[in-house]
Amino acid sequence: MALLLGRLGLSLKIAAQALLSPVAYAACALIVREGRVLLVRHSYVQGWLLPGGGVGRGEPAEEAVLREMREEIGLLSCAAPRQFGLYTRKSGWATNVIVLFQIDDAQFKFVPNFEVRAVEFVDPLSPPADTPPSVRRRLREFAGMESRSPYW
């Protein structure tokens, strides 16, 4: 009985922490080809972004980024993802933790879809004008023009 109450108490504590301090976990990709980086234009947010999305409960981040690339850009094959950085971002009362992977040798067949409308390989030092500051920072980090920050 005491063991059961202890487990129930731990479960309640974990649930309360999740409600009071929620954390969202995401995996994004720097898909690199000939020194250029792939950006995507989503249907639901403005600007050019790095492709990626949420990591499911219990899902390894490396598997999540590959799943997201298959869903978003039609990834067919690639070299094994290499972790580029781990970032945090405060979003309202929640915290986002974002793991960024570099993916080389990516082969994909992009077809505009419900989520992603367009893709484009860009020079990391001169991305399109409507690329948000966070993505510009990641591109400068990739190009070695800025030291890596722990903040998205």
Protein backbone atom coordinates (compact mmCIF):
# COMPACT_ATOMS: atom_id res chain seq x y z
CA MET A 1 0.00 0.00 0.00
CA ALA A 2 2.81 2.41 0.90
CA LEU A 3 4.52 1.65 -2.42
CA LEU A 4 1.30 2.36 -4.29
CA LEU A 5 0.81 5.66 -2.43
CA GLY A 6 4.43 6.59 -3.10
CA ARG A 7 4.00 5.96 -6.83
CA LEU A 8 0.74 7.91 -6.86
CA GLY A 9 2.42 10.81 -5.07
CA LEU A 10 5.30 10.81 -7.56
CA SER A 11 2.84 10.72 -10.48
CA LEU A 12 0.92 13.67 -9.01
CA LYS A 13 4.15 15.61 -8.48
CA ILE A 14 5.26 15.02 -12.09
CA ALA A 15 1.81 16.05 -13.39
CA ALA A 16 1.86 19.24 -11.30
CA GLN A 17 5.36 20.11 -12.56
CA ALA A 18 4.20 19.62 -16.16
CA LEU A 19 1.27 21.97 -15.59
CA LEU A 20 3.32 24.60 -13.77
CA SER A 21 6.41 24.45 -15.95
CA PRO A 22 5.61 22.88 -19.32
CA VAL A 23 8.41 22.10 -21.74
CA ALA A 24 7.96 21.49 -25.46
CA TYR A 25 10.69 19.53 -27.23
CA ALA A 26 11.44 20.09 -30.92
CA ALA A 27 13.95 18.82 -33.46
CA CYS A 28 15.07 20.94 -36.42
CA ALA A 29 17.50 20.39 -39.27
CA LEU A 30 20.29 22.20 -41.04
CA ILE A 31 20.10 20.36 -44.35
CA VAL A 32 23.32 21.29 -46.10
CA ARG A 33 24.14 21.03 -49.79
CA GLU A 34 27.27 22.63 -51.28
CA GLY A 35 27.54 25.09 -48.38
CA ARG A 36 23.93 26.19 -48.68
CA VAL A 37 21.20 25.47 -46.13
CA LEU A 38 17.61 24.45 -46.82
CA LEU A 39 14.88 26.75 -45.54
CA VAL A 40 11.15 26.10 -45.72
CA ARG A 41 8.08 28.29 -45.95
CA HIS A 42 5.25 26.94 -43.82
CA SER A 43 1.55 27.46 -44.48
CA TYR A 44 0.84 28.61 -40.91
CA VAL A 45 3.69 31.03 -40.10
CA GLN A 46 5.43 33.78 -42.06
CA GLY A 47 9.05 33.78 -43.13
CA TRP A 48 11.67 31.22 -44.10
CA LEU A 49 12.45 28.72 -41.35
CA LEU A 50 14.54 25.66 -40.70
CA PRO A 51 12.51 22.50 -41.20
CA GLY A 52 11.51 20.54 -38.13
CA GLY A 53 8.84 19.94 -35.58
CA GLY A 54 7.83 18.36 -32.31
CA VAL A 55 9.42 15.34 -30.71
CA GLY A 56 6.79 12.84 -29.56
CA ARG A 57 6.65 11.43 -26.04
CA GLY A 58 9.34 8.78 -25.77
CA GLU A 59 10.56 9.45 -29.32
CA PRO A 60 14.32 9.87 -29.78
CA ALA A 61 15.10 13.32 -31.22
CA GLU A 62 17.18 11.84 -34.06
CA GLU A 63 14.19 9.74 -35.16
CA ALA A 64 11.88 12.74 -34.80
CA VAL A 65 13.98 14.96 -37.08
CA LEU A 66 14.06 12.26 -39.77
CA ARG A 67 10.29 11.73 -39.45
CA GLU A 68 9.71 15.48 -39.74
CA MET A 69 11.95 15.67 -42.83
CA ARG A 70 10.00 12.84 -44.47
CA GLU A 71 6.71 14.60 -43.69
CA GLU A 72 7.78 18.15 -44.57
CA ILE A 73 10.12 17.82 -47.54
CA GLY A 74 9.78 14.21 -48.74
CA LEU A 75 13.17 13.01 -47.42
CA LEU A 76 14.25 9.83 -49.19
CA SER A 77 17.75 9.29 -47.77
CA CYS A 78 20.56 11.13 -45.99
CA ALA A 79 23.71 10.73 -43.95
CA ALA A 80 23.18 10.13 -40.25
CA PRO A 81 22.05 13.35 -38.51
CA ARG A 82 24.74 14.99 -36.34
CA GLN A 83 23.74 17.14 -33.41
CA PHE A 84 24.70 20.75 -34.13
CA GLY A 85 23.32 22.41 -30.99
CA LEU A 86 20.84 22.35 -28.15
CA TYR A 87 18.83 25.52 -27.54
CA THR A 88 16.21 26.87 -25.19
CA ARG A 89 13.53 29.47 -25.83
CA LYS A 90 10.92 30.92 -23.54
CA SER A 91 7.51 31.01 -25.19
CA GLY A 92 4.86 32.54 -22.96
CA TRP A 93 4.81 30.49 -19.78
CA ALA A 94 6.32 27.45 -21.48
CA THR A 95 9.88 26.57 -22.38
CA ASN A 96 10.87 25.19 -25.77
CA VAL A 97 13.93 22.97 -25.98
CA ILE A 98 15.18 22.62 -29.54
CA VAL A 99 17.80 20.18 -30.73
CA LEU A 100 19.30 21.17 -34.06
CA PHE A 101 20.82 18.48 -36.29
CA GLN A 102 23.03 18.91 -39.32
CA ILE A 103 22.02 16.59 -42.15
CA ASP A 104 24.28 16.09 -45.14
CA ASP A 105 23.74 14.18 -48.38
CA ALA A 106 19.96 14.57 -48.17
CA GLN A 107 17.98 13.29 -51.11
CA PHE A 108 14.36 14.36 -51.16
CA LYS A 109 11.44 14.86 -53.44
CA PHE A 110 9.58 17.93 -52.31
CA VAL A 111 5.93 18.38 -53.18
CA PRO A 112 4.10 21.38 -51.69
CA ASN A 113 1.83 20.09 -48.94
CA PHE A 114 -0.54 21.23 -46.21
CA GLU A 115 2.34 22.20 -43.91
CA VAL A 116 5.20 23.31 -46.19
CA ARG A 117 4.52 25.43 -49.28
CA ALA A 118 8.07 25.98 -50.58
CA VAL A 119 11.72 25.06 -49.99
CA GLU A 120 14.89 26.86 -50.99
CA PHE A 121 18.62 26.35 -50.47
CA VAL A 122 20.13 29.65 -49.35
CA ASP A 123 23.53 31.14 -48.66
CA PRO A 124 23.72 31.12 -44.84
CA LEU A 125 25.18 34.64 -44.87
CA SER A 126 22.46 36.14 -47.05
CA PRO A 127 19.11 34.47 -46.33
CA PRO A 128 15.84 35.90 -47.68
CA ALA A 129 14.69 39.19 -46.13
CA ASP A 130 11.80 37.60 -44.23
CA THR A 131 13.97 35.05 -42.40
CA PRO A 132 13.45 35.54 -38.64
CA PRO A 133 16.33 36.59 -36.35
CA SER A 134 16.51 33.17 -34.65
CA VAL A 135 17.09 31.40 -37.97
CA ARG A 136 19.59 34.06 -39.05
CA ARG A 137 21.55 33.37 -35.84
CA ARG A 138 21.59 29.63 -36.52
CA LEU A 139 22.80 30.26 -40.09
CA ARG A 140 25.60 32.55 -38.84
CA GLU A 141 26.57 29.89 -36.27
CA PHE A 142 26.69 27.29 -39.05
CA ALA A 143 28.87 29.59 -41.19
CA GLY A 144 31.25 30.12 -38.26
CA MET A 145 30.47 33.85 -38.15
CA GLU A 146 28.90 33.74 -34.68
CA SER A 147 29.63 31.57 -31.64
CA ARG A 148 26.91 29.12 -30.71
CA SER A 149 24.39 30.36 -28.21
CA PRO A 150 22.31 28.21 -25.87
CA TYR A 151 19.29 30.41 -26.72
CA TRP A 152 17.20 30.00 -29.82
